[in-house]
Amino acid sequence: MSSITESAPAATLSLQERLEAAKTASRALATANTDQKNRALRAIADGVLAASADVLAANELDLANGRENGLTTGLLDRLTLSPARLQGLADAVLEVVGLTDPVGQAVRGSALPNGIQITQVRVPFGVVGVIYEARPNVTIDIAALAIKSGNAAVLRGGSAAIETNRVLVRVIQQALASAGLPADAVQTIDDFGREGAGELMTARGYVDVLIPRGSAELIQAVVTQSTVPVIETGAGVVHVVLDESAREDWAVDIVRNAKVQRPSVCNAVETLLVHRAAADRLLPPVLSALRDAGVTIHADERALPFAADAVPVTDEDYATEHMSLDISVKVVDDLDEAIEHIRRYSTQHSESIVTNDLANAERFLAEVDSAVVMVNASTRFTDGGEFGFGAEVGISTQKLHARGPMGLPELTSTKWIVRGSGQIRA
């Protein structure tokens, strides 16, 4: 494998040429067999670790620029790579190797009365475009899932991670070439800046589907401006409800984990809703655990007495994905009020209820309309890796085609195979 730090020939290509190259490469990738795709993935995993010094050096440049440009703590955390996180990325790629290849899978089929055989099978989309920000892990995750599902990928990872992504894409392209697959199957257009993102959003005929990952503002911009079909991933204004019957130990552990374990990600809880009959029992230990972890409490008037150092909550707080050690807390009269609050403020990402009441659990599962709805579990489990999908494309909050954590099958479409023996339609 040549040096990762060499200049890429692709850097001399125009954006149009890169899109055309990705389209051409997608045809070869669509017919590649599973063994060949898996060889490329193993080479990516090995390459990420072999190039760790170059990756981390590039990442430090991005972090320095990010600090200078005032990136938030949450975005800096998402931007940061470390030896442990690189090992995690390599492990995630190897997990994708072990997953079933969806391409060619039969979804359904039948024999018509006239003897014609019809079968619906999974096929790649073709070229998947992804627009994201300050998340170099997405570069590896998306590439791995795209390759295994037979898709080419055009990546716009944003200026905050431009140096890191440049090295990571070089690793990916060299791995593809080593497996006999076209290196052009994974491209970065970061060097074209905002103009490149705009062109990607209107690249009908070259890009088959576009997936945005990032802030609510970024996602909304892509959804409203794109002429390419979009799979909408959502910001995470995530809720946990503590029912009157909730166990104290479960309440403390689940809320703390959902907020503190990694506050900068989309499945971290942002609002805690507590049944008024459980407030005296549950709020003191839960808020104490949060304060001990450095969380700032934004409390409504009924929760304020339980947290002397809290700040008054606002409607804006309820609608905010903090991505930081901040949480909104509201005392509700009953499950009706909790569900109504979620309907008003949720981004339909993930919601959880802590309860020992089976009827309330089943009602919550049935009536809350989010991509993932949980009972007695941390919202941090909304994740493709945790669901057994290996890496994930993102968390889809739409209601078309894919919803929730997106893995390999969600990167495929279908086509119908019809086999006849001379039949004609009367």
Protein backbone atom coordinates (compact mmCIF):
# COMPACT_ATOMS: atom_id res chain seq x y z
CA MET A 1 0.00 0.00 0.00
CA SER A 2 1.37 3.39 -0.96
CA SER A 3 1.88 6.13 1.54
CA ILE A 4 -1.26 7.65 2.97
CA THR A 5 0.25 11.10 2.78
CA GLU A 6 0.74 11.03 -1.00
CA SER A 7 -1.36 13.50 -2.97
CA ALA A 8 -4.51 11.93 -4.41
CA PRO A 9 -5.06 11.95 -8.17
CA ALA A 10 -8.74 12.56 -7.38
CA ALA A 11 -7.82 15.97 -6.01
CA THR A 12 -7.32 17.14 -9.61
CA LEU A 13 -10.80 16.05 -10.70
CA SER A 14 -13.69 18.46 -10.94
CA LEU A 15 -16.83 17.81 -8.91
CA GLN A 16 -18.67 16.73 -12.06
CA GLU A 17 -15.87 14.29 -12.90
CA ARG A 18 -15.99 12.81 -9.41
CA LEU A 19 -19.75 12.30 -9.64
CA GLU A 20 -19.35 10.64 -13.03
CA ALA A 21 -16.57 8.42 -11.68
CA ALA A 22 -18.71 7.43 -8.69
CA LYS A 23 -21.60 6.53 -11.00
CA THR A 24 -19.34 4.37 -13.14
CA ALA A 25 -17.81 2.73 -10.07
CA SER A 26 -21.26 1.97 -8.66
CA ARG A 27 -21.97 -0.36 -11.58
CA ALA A 28 -18.90 -2.46 -10.83
CA LEU A 29 -19.65 -2.50 -7.11
CA ALA A 30 -23.26 -3.57 -7.70
CA THR A 31 -22.09 -6.83 -9.27
CA ALA A 32 -19.13 -7.51 -6.94
CA ASN A 33 -19.44 -10.70 -4.96
CA THR A 34 -19.53 -10.84 -1.17
CA ASP A 35 -15.99 -12.18 -0.81
CA GLN A 36 -14.55 -9.32 -2.84
CA LYS A 37 -16.46 -6.70 -0.85
CA ASN A 38 -15.39 -8.31 2.41
CA ARG A 39 -11.74 -8.23 1.31
CA ALA A 40 -12.06 -4.50 0.80
CA LEU A 41 -13.62 -4.08 4.24
CA ARG A 42 -10.86 -6.05 5.95
CA ALA A 43 -8.32 -3.89 4.13
CA ILE A 44 -10.10 -0.76 5.41
CA ALA A 45 -9.98 -2.04 9.00
CA ASP A 46 -6.27 -2.85 8.66
CA GLY A 47 -5.59 0.44 6.89
CA VAL A 48 -7.24 2.58 9.57
CA LEU A 49 -4.97 1.08 12.21
CA ALA A 50 -1.86 1.10 10.02
CA ALA A 51 -2.39 4.78 9.22
CA SER A 52 -3.31 5.74 12.79
CA ALA A 53 -0.40 8.16 13.17
CA ASP A 54 -1.41 10.03 10.00
CA VAL A 55 -5.10 9.98 10.95
CA LEU A 56 -4.48 11.30 14.46
CA ALA A 57 -2.09 13.99 13.22
CA ALA A 58 -4.69 15.17 10.72
CA ASN A 59 -7.36 15.03 13.41
CA GLU A 60 -5.28 17.22 15.71
CA LEU A 61 -5.09 19.84 12.96
CA ASP A 62 -8.89 19.77 12.66
CA LEU A 63 -9.31 19.99 16.44
CA ALA A 64 -6.95 22.96 16.64
CA ASN A 65 -8.88 24.71 13.89
CA GLY A 66 -12.15 23.82 15.59
CA ARG A 67 -11.07 25.28 18.92
CA GLU A 68 -9.85 28.42 17.17
CA ASN A 69 -13.17 28.73 15.31
CA GLY A 70 -15.29 28.25 18.42
CA LEU A 71 -16.73 24.79 17.83
CA THR A 72 -18.99 23.70 20.68
CA THR A 73 -17.87 21.11 23.21
CA GLY A 74 -20.31 18.62 21.72
CA LEU A 75 -18.99 19.05 18.19
CA LEU A 76 -15.39 18.88 19.37
CA ASP A 77 -16.20 15.59 21.07
CA ARG A 78 -17.72 14.20 17.88
CA LEU A 79 -14.72 15.42 15.91
CA THR A 80 -12.15 13.86 18.23
CA LEU A 81 -10.45 10.59 17.31
CA SER A 82 -8.16 8.65 19.62
CA PRO A 83 -6.38 5.29 19.41
CA ALA A 84 -9.33 3.72 21.21
CA ARG A 85 -11.87 5.30 18.84
CA LEU A 86 -9.82 4.23 15.81
CA GLN A 87 -9.79 0.68 17.15
CA GLY A 88 -13.56 0.97 17.58
CA LEU A 89 -13.92 2.07 13.96
CA ALA A 90 -11.82 -0.84 12.74
CA ASP A 91 -13.83 -3.27 14.88
CA ALA A 92 -17.10 -1.85 13.50
CA VAL A 93 -15.88 -2.44 9.94
CA LEU A 94 -15.04 -6.04 10.80
CA GLU A 95 -18.53 -6.45 12.24
CA VAL A 96 -19.93 -5.42 8.86
CA VAL A 97 -17.80 -8.16 7.28
CA GLY A 98 -19.69 -10.68 9.40
CA LEU A 99 -23.13 -9.39 8.40
CA THR A 100 -25.24 -10.99 5.71
CA ASP A 101 -24.89 -9.37 2.30
CA PRO A 102 -28.35 -8.03 1.44
CA VAL A 103 -27.76 -7.77 -2.31
CA GLY A 104 -29.73 -10.41 -4.17
CA GLN A 105 -31.83 -11.43 -1.17
CA ALA A 106 -35.36 -12.46 -2.15
CA VAL A 107 -37.94 -10.32 -0.35
CA ARG A 108 -40.97 -12.15 -1.71
CA GLY A 109 -42.04 -14.06 -4.76
CA SER A 110 -44.67 -16.29 -6.29
CA ALA A 111 -45.67 -18.32 -9.32
CA LEU A 112 -48.52 -16.85 -11.36
CA PRO A 113 -51.31 -19.14 -12.64
CA ASN A 114 -49.80 -18.92 -16.14
CA GLY A 115 -46.46 -20.30 -14.89
CA ILE A 116 -44.49 -17.03 -14.80
CA GLN A 117 -42.17 -16.83 -11.78
CA ILE A 118 -41.83 -13.43 -10.09
CA THR A 119 -39.32 -12.55 -7.37
CA GLN A 120 -38.61 -9.27 -5.62
CA VAL A 121 -34.90 -9.01 -4.79
CA ARG A 122 -32.72 -6.45 -3.01
CA VAL A 123 -30.43 -4.31 -5.16
CA PRO A 124 -28.11 -1.40 -4.33
CA PHE A 125 -29.33 2.17 -4.67
CA GLY A 126 -26.32 2.99 -6.84
CA VAL A 127 -24.66 6.18 -5.55
CA VAL A 128 -25.36 7.33 -2.00
CA GLY A 129 -24.52 10.91 -1.11
CA VAL A 130 -23.96 11.82 2.54
CA ILE A 131 -23.69 15.33 4.01
CA TYR A 132 -22.48 15.49 7.62
CA GLU A 133 -20.41 17.64 9.92
CA ALA A 134 -17.53 17.14 12.36
CA ARG A 135 -17.96 13.35 12.44
CA PRO A 136 -14.99 11.52 10.92
CA ASN A 137 -16.34 8.22 12.26
CA VAL A 138 -19.22 8.60 9.79
CA THR A 139 -16.69 8.53 6.94
CA ILE A 140 -15.67 4.98 7.86
CA ASP A 141 -19.13 3.80 8.91
CA ILE A 142 -20.83 4.99 5.72
CA ALA A 143 -18.07 3.66 3.47
CA ALA A 144 -18.22 0.22 5.07
CA LEU A 145 -21.99 -0.06 4.81
CA ALA A 146 -22.05 1.36 1.28
CA ILE A 147 -19.42 -1.08 0.05
CA LYS A 148 -21.07 -4.13 1.65
CA SER A 149 -24.46 -3.14 0.20
CA GLY A 150 -22.95 -2.59 -3.25
CA ASN A 151 -23.22 1.21 -3.35
CA ALA A 152 -20.75 3.92 -4.26
CA ALA A 153 -20.58 6.83 -1.80
CA VAL A 154 -19.94 10.53 -2.28
CA LEU A 155 -19.12 12.16 1.06
CA ARG A 156 -19.29 15.77 2.12
CA GLY A 157 -17.99 15.73 5.68
CA GLY A 158 -17.67 19.47 6.22
CA SER A 159 -14.80 21.84 6.79
CA ALA A 160 -14.40 20.96 10.48
CA ALA A 161 -13.08 17.47 9.67
CA ILE A 162 -11.53 18.13 6.28
CA GLU A 163 -7.98 17.01 7.15
CA THR A 164 -9.10 13.86 8.96
CA ASN A 165 -11.53 12.87 6.23
CA ARG A 166 -8.92 13.39 3.53
CA VAL A 167 -6.69 10.77 5.15
CA LEU A 168 -9.54 8.38 5.90
CA VAL A 169 -10.85 8.48 2.34
CA ARG A 170 -7.33 7.79 1.09
CA VAL A 171 -7.24 4.69 3.30
CA ILE A 172 -10.62 3.57 1.94
CA GLN A 173 -9.67 4.13 -1.70
CA GLN A 174 -6.44 2.20 -1.35
CA ALA A 175 -8.30 -0.64 0.36
CA LEU A 176 -10.83 -0.79 -2.49
CA ALA A 177 -8.05 -0.92 -5.07
CA SER A 178 -6.27 -3.68 -3.16
CA ALA A 179 -9.42 -5.80 -3.40
CA GLY A 180 -9.79 -5.22 -7.14
CA LEU A 181 -12.66 -2.76 -6.76
CA PRO A 182 -12.71 0.78 -8.20
CA ALA A 183 -11.18 3.32 -5.82
CA ASP A 184 -13.66 5.87 -7.16
CA ALA A 185 -16.45 4.01 -5.38
CA VAL A 186 -15.85 6.24 -2.34
CA GLN A 187 -15.21 9.95 -2.92
CA THR A 188 -14.88 13.06 -0.80
CA ILE A 189 -15.96 16.47 -2.09
CA ASP A 190 -14.96 18.38 1.04
CA ASP A 191 -12.51 20.49 -0.94
CA PHE A 192 -15.43 22.06 -2.85
CA GLY A 193 -16.90 23.53 0.36
CA ARG A 194 -20.49 24.74 0.53
CA GLU A 195 -20.68 24.93 -3.25
CA GLY A 196 -19.93 21.23 -3.40
CA ALA A 197 -22.71 20.47 -0.93
CA GLY A 198 -25.12 22.51 -3.03
CA GLU A 199 -24.17 20.65 -6.20
CA LEU A 200 -24.49 17.29 -4.43
CA MET A 201 -28.04 18.17 -3.41
CA THR A 202 -29.00 18.78 -7.05
CA ALA A 203 -27.02 15.95 -8.68
CA ARG A 204 -30.03 14.03 -10.00
CA GLY A 205 -28.92 11.37 -12.43
CA TYR A 206 -25.63 10.89 -10.56
CA VAL A 207 -26.71 10.54 -6.93
CA ASP A 208 -29.60 8.17 -6.23
CA VAL A 209 -30.26 9.06 -2.60
CA LEU A 210 -28.93 11.68 -0.19
CA ILE A 211 -28.58 11.23 3.58
CA PRO A 212 -27.89 14.20 5.87
CA ARG A 213 -26.42 13.68 9.35
CA GLY A 214 -25.89 16.48 11.81
CA SER A 215 -27.69 19.41 13.35
CA ALA A 216 -31.36 20.15 12.85
CA GLU A 217 -30.33 23.15 10.73
CA LEU A 218 -28.17 21.04 8.41
CA ILE A 219 -30.83 18.37 8.03
CA GLN A 220 -33.56 20.90 7.32
CA ALA A 221 -31.38 22.66 4.73
CA VAL A 222 -30.79 19.39 2.87
CA VAL A 223 -34.46 18.36 3.04
CA THR A 224 -35.71 21.70 1.71
CA GLN A 225 -33.03 22.38 -0.91
CA SER A 226 -32.32 18.95 -2.35
CA THR A 227 -33.72 17.75 -5.66
CA VAL A 228 -32.18 14.33 -4.98
CA PRO A 229 -34.40 11.97 -2.91
CA VAL A 230 -33.52 12.36 0.79
CA ILE A 231 -33.64 9.89 3.66
CA GLU A 232 -34.13 12.24 6.58
CA THR A 233 -32.19 11.57 9.74
CA GLY A 234 -33.28 13.60 12.72
CA ALA A 235 -31.95 15.67 15.52
CA GLY A 236 -32.58 14.04 18.88
CA VAL A 237 -34.86 15.90 21.26
CA VAL A 238 -35.16 12.71 23.29
CA HIS A 239 -37.40 12.08 26.33
CA VAL A 240 -37.40 9.78 29.35
CA VAL A 241 -40.61 9.47 31.37
CA LEU A 242 -40.55 8.35 35.01
CA ASP A 243 -43.93 6.80 35.73
CA GLU A 244 -45.51 6.73 39.19
CA SER A 245 -44.50 3.08 39.55
CA ALA A 246 -40.88 3.46 38.36
CA ARG A 247 -38.21 1.72 40.41
CA GLU A 248 -35.80 4.20 41.96
CA ASP A 249 -32.65 2.28 41.02
CA TRP A 250 -33.78 1.91 37.41
CA ALA A 251 -34.77 5.57 37.23
CA VAL A 252 -31.38 6.77 38.52
CA ASP A 253 -29.33 4.43 36.34
CA ILE A 254 -31.31 4.92 33.13
CA VAL A 255 -31.54 8.72 33.31
CA ARG A 256 -27.89 9.12 34.26
CA ASN A 257 -26.74 6.80 31.48
CA ALA A 258 -29.03 8.40 28.90
CA LYS A 259 -27.70 11.89 29.69
CA VAL A 260 -24.12 11.43 30.83
CA GLN A 261 -22.62 8.42 29.05
CA ARG A 262 -22.10 10.50 25.89
CA PRO A 263 -24.08 13.73 25.92
CA SER A 264 -23.01 14.94 22.47
CA VAL A 265 -24.87 12.27 20.49
CA CYS A 266 -28.40 12.24 19.11
CA ASN A 267 -29.72 9.46 21.37
CA ALA A 268 -28.81 11.25 24.62
CA VAL A 269 -31.84 12.31 26.65
CA GLU A 270 -32.68 16.02 26.60
CA THR A 271 -35.92 16.15 28.64
CA LEU A 272 -36.99 14.24 31.76
CA LEU A 273 -40.72 14.03 32.50
CA VAL A 274 -41.67 12.88 36.01
CA HIS A 275 -45.13 11.86 37.24
CA ARG A 276 -46.19 14.21 40.04
CA ALA A 277 -46.97 11.27 42.34
CA ALA A 278 -43.37 10.07 41.98
CA ALA A 279 -41.63 13.45 42.19
CA ASP A 280 -40.97 13.37 45.95
CA ARG A 281 -39.56 9.85 45.71
CA LEU A 282 -37.60 9.97 42.45
CA LEU A 283 -36.45 13.51 41.78
CA PRO A 284 -34.02 13.82 44.74
CA PRO A 285 -31.91 10.75 43.85
CA VAL A 286 -32.15 11.24 40.08
CA LEU A 287 -31.22 14.94 40.16
CA SER A 288 -28.47 14.27 42.69
CA ALA A 289 -26.91 11.70 40.34
CA LEU A 290 -27.12 14.16 37.46
CA ARG A 291 -25.63 17.03 39.44
CA ASP A 292 -22.78 14.79 40.62
CA ALA A 293 -22.01 14.17 36.94
CA GLY A 294 -21.89 17.90 36.21
CA VAL A 295 -25.29 18.21 34.54
CA THR A 296 -27.08 21.57 34.57
CA ILE A 297 -30.75 21.14 35.45
CA HIS A 298 -33.34 23.27 33.61
CA ALA A 299 -36.38 22.76 35.83
CA ASP A 300 -40.03 23.75 35.65
CA GLU A 301 -41.68 25.38 38.68
CA ARG A 302 -42.70 22.05 40.21
CA ALA A 303 -39.24 20.53 39.80
CA LEU A 304 -37.27 23.58 41.00
CA PRO A 305 -37.76 22.81 44.73
CA PHE A 306 -35.90 19.52 44.21
CA ALA A 307 -32.85 21.19 42.65
CA ALA A 308 -31.79 24.37 44.40
CA ASP A 309 -29.03 25.05 41.88
CA ALA A 310 -31.27 24.54 38.84
CA VAL A 311 -32.17 27.22 36.32
CA PRO A 312 -35.77 27.84 35.24
CA VAL A 313 -36.69 25.91 32.12
CA THR A 314 -38.03 27.65 29.00
CA ASP A 315 -40.08 26.49 26.03
CA GLU A 316 -36.93 26.90 23.98
CA ASP A 317 -35.13 24.45 26.28
CA TYR A 318 -37.83 21.84 25.65
CA ALA A 319 -37.27 22.17 21.90
CA THR A 320 -33.45 22.14 22.08
CA GLU A 321 -31.05 19.31 21.34
CA HIS A 322 -28.41 20.47 23.83
CA MET A 323 -25.70 17.94 22.93
CA SER A 324 -24.15 18.90 26.26
CA LEU A 325 -24.50 18.27 30.00
CA ASP A 326 -27.86 20.05 30.16
CA ILE A 327 -31.28 18.52 30.76
CA SER A 328 -34.81 19.89 30.98
CA VAL A 329 -36.98 18.53 33.81
CA LYS A 330 -40.75 18.79 34.01
CA VAL A 331 -43.26 17.36 36.50
CA VAL A 332 -46.41 16.11 34.74
CA ASP A 333 -49.80 15.26 36.20
CA ASP A 334 -50.17 11.94 34.42
CA LEU A 335 -49.15 9.85 31.43
CA ASP A 336 -51.56 11.83 29.23
CA GLU A 337 -49.59 15.02 29.88
CA ALA A 338 -46.26 13.25 29.32
CA ILE A 339 -47.37 11.88 25.96
CA GLU A 340 -48.80 15.24 24.92
CA HIS A 341 -45.51 16.96 25.82
CA ILE A 342 -43.61 14.43 23.70
CA ARG A 343 -45.98 14.98 20.78
CA ARG A 344 -45.33 18.72 20.97
CA TYR A 345 -41.56 18.79 21.34
CA SER A 346 -40.19 15.45 20.16
CA THR A 347 -38.20 15.11 16.96
CA GLN A 348 -39.56 11.53 16.75
CA HIS A 349 -36.14 10.03 17.43
CA SER A 350 -36.21 8.03 20.69
CA GLU A 351 -38.35 8.01 23.83
CA SER A 352 -38.30 5.78 26.92
CA ILE A 353 -40.58 5.18 29.90
CA VAL A 354 -39.45 3.75 33.23
CA THR A 355 -42.39 1.92 34.77
CA ASN A 356 -43.58 -1.20 36.56
CA ASP A 357 -47.10 -0.76 35.22
CA LEU A 358 -47.65 -3.09 32.26
CA ALA A 359 -50.69 -1.19 30.99
CA ASN A 360 -48.79 2.12 31.00
CA ALA A 361 -45.82 0.48 29.28
CA GLU A 362 -47.99 -0.92 26.49
CA ARG A 363 -49.87 2.37 26.12
CA PHE A 364 -46.61 4.29 25.83
CA LEU A 365 -45.32 1.89 23.18
CA ALA A 366 -48.56 2.15 21.21
CA GLU A 367 -49.21 5.90 21.40
CA VAL A 368 -45.76 7.48 21.18
CA ASP A 369 -44.90 8.02 17.53
CA SER A 370 -41.10 7.97 17.38
CA ALA A 371 -38.62 5.86 15.46
CA VAL A 372 -37.62 3.99 18.63
CA VAL A 373 -39.84 3.66 21.71
CA MET A 374 -38.50 1.91 24.81
CA VAL A 375 -39.59 0.59 28.17
CA ASN A 376 -37.13 0.43 31.08
CA ALA A 377 -34.02 1.00 28.96
CA SER A 378 -31.61 3.84 28.25
CA THR A 379 -32.14 5.76 25.03
CA ARG A 380 -28.43 5.30 24.36
CA PHE A 381 -29.36 1.89 22.91
CA THR A 382 -30.80 3.56 19.80
CA ASP A 383 -27.77 2.69 17.71
CA GLY A 384 -27.09 0.44 14.76
CA GLY A 385 -24.19 -1.23 16.52
CA GLU A 386 -26.26 -1.92 19.64
CA PHE A 387 -29.09 -3.28 17.48
CA GLY A 388 -26.70 -5.73 15.84
CA PHE A 389 -26.42 -3.91 12.50
CA GLY A 390 -22.68 -3.26 12.77
CA ALA A 391 -22.05 0.37 11.86
CA GLU A 392 -25.05 2.55 11.03
CA VAL A 393 -25.89 5.00 8.28
CA GLY A 394 -27.83 7.14 10.74
CA ILE A 395 -31.10 7.21 12.67
CA SER A 396 -33.95 7.82 10.25
CA THR A 397 -36.86 9.77 11.72
CA GLN A 398 -38.96 9.74 8.57
CA LYS A 399 -41.71 7.23 7.78
CA LEU A 400 -40.70 6.18 4.27
CA HIS A 401 -38.58 3.12 3.43
CA ALA A 402 -36.38 3.24 6.52
CA ARG A 403 -37.06 4.29 10.11
CA GLY A 404 -34.77 4.11 13.14
CA PRO A 405 -31.17 2.86 12.97
CA MET A 406 -30.25 2.21 9.35
CA GLY A 407 -28.08 -0.77 8.48
CA LEU A 408 -27.34 -2.71 5.31
CA PRO A 409 -30.90 -3.52 4.18
CA GLU A 410 -31.85 0.17 4.42
CA LEU A 411 -29.17 0.96 1.80
CA THR A 412 -30.93 -1.20 -0.77
CA SER A 413 -33.92 -0.84 -3.01
CA THR A 414 -35.61 -3.73 -4.82
CA LYS A 415 -36.34 -4.86 -8.33
CA TRP A 416 -38.66 -7.53 -9.69
CA ILE A 417 -37.22 -10.53 -11.53
CA VAL A 418 -39.69 -12.14 -13.94
CA ARG A 419 -38.96 -15.53 -15.54
CA GLY A 420 -41.25 -16.85 -18.17
CA SER A 421 -41.41 -19.53 -20.85
CA GLY A 422 -43.07 -17.81 -23.74
CA GLN A 423 -46.18 -16.47 -21.99
CA ILE A 424 -48.02 -13.51 -23.51
CA ARG A 425 -50.76 -11.38 -21.97
CA ALA A 426 -54.26 -11.96 -23.30
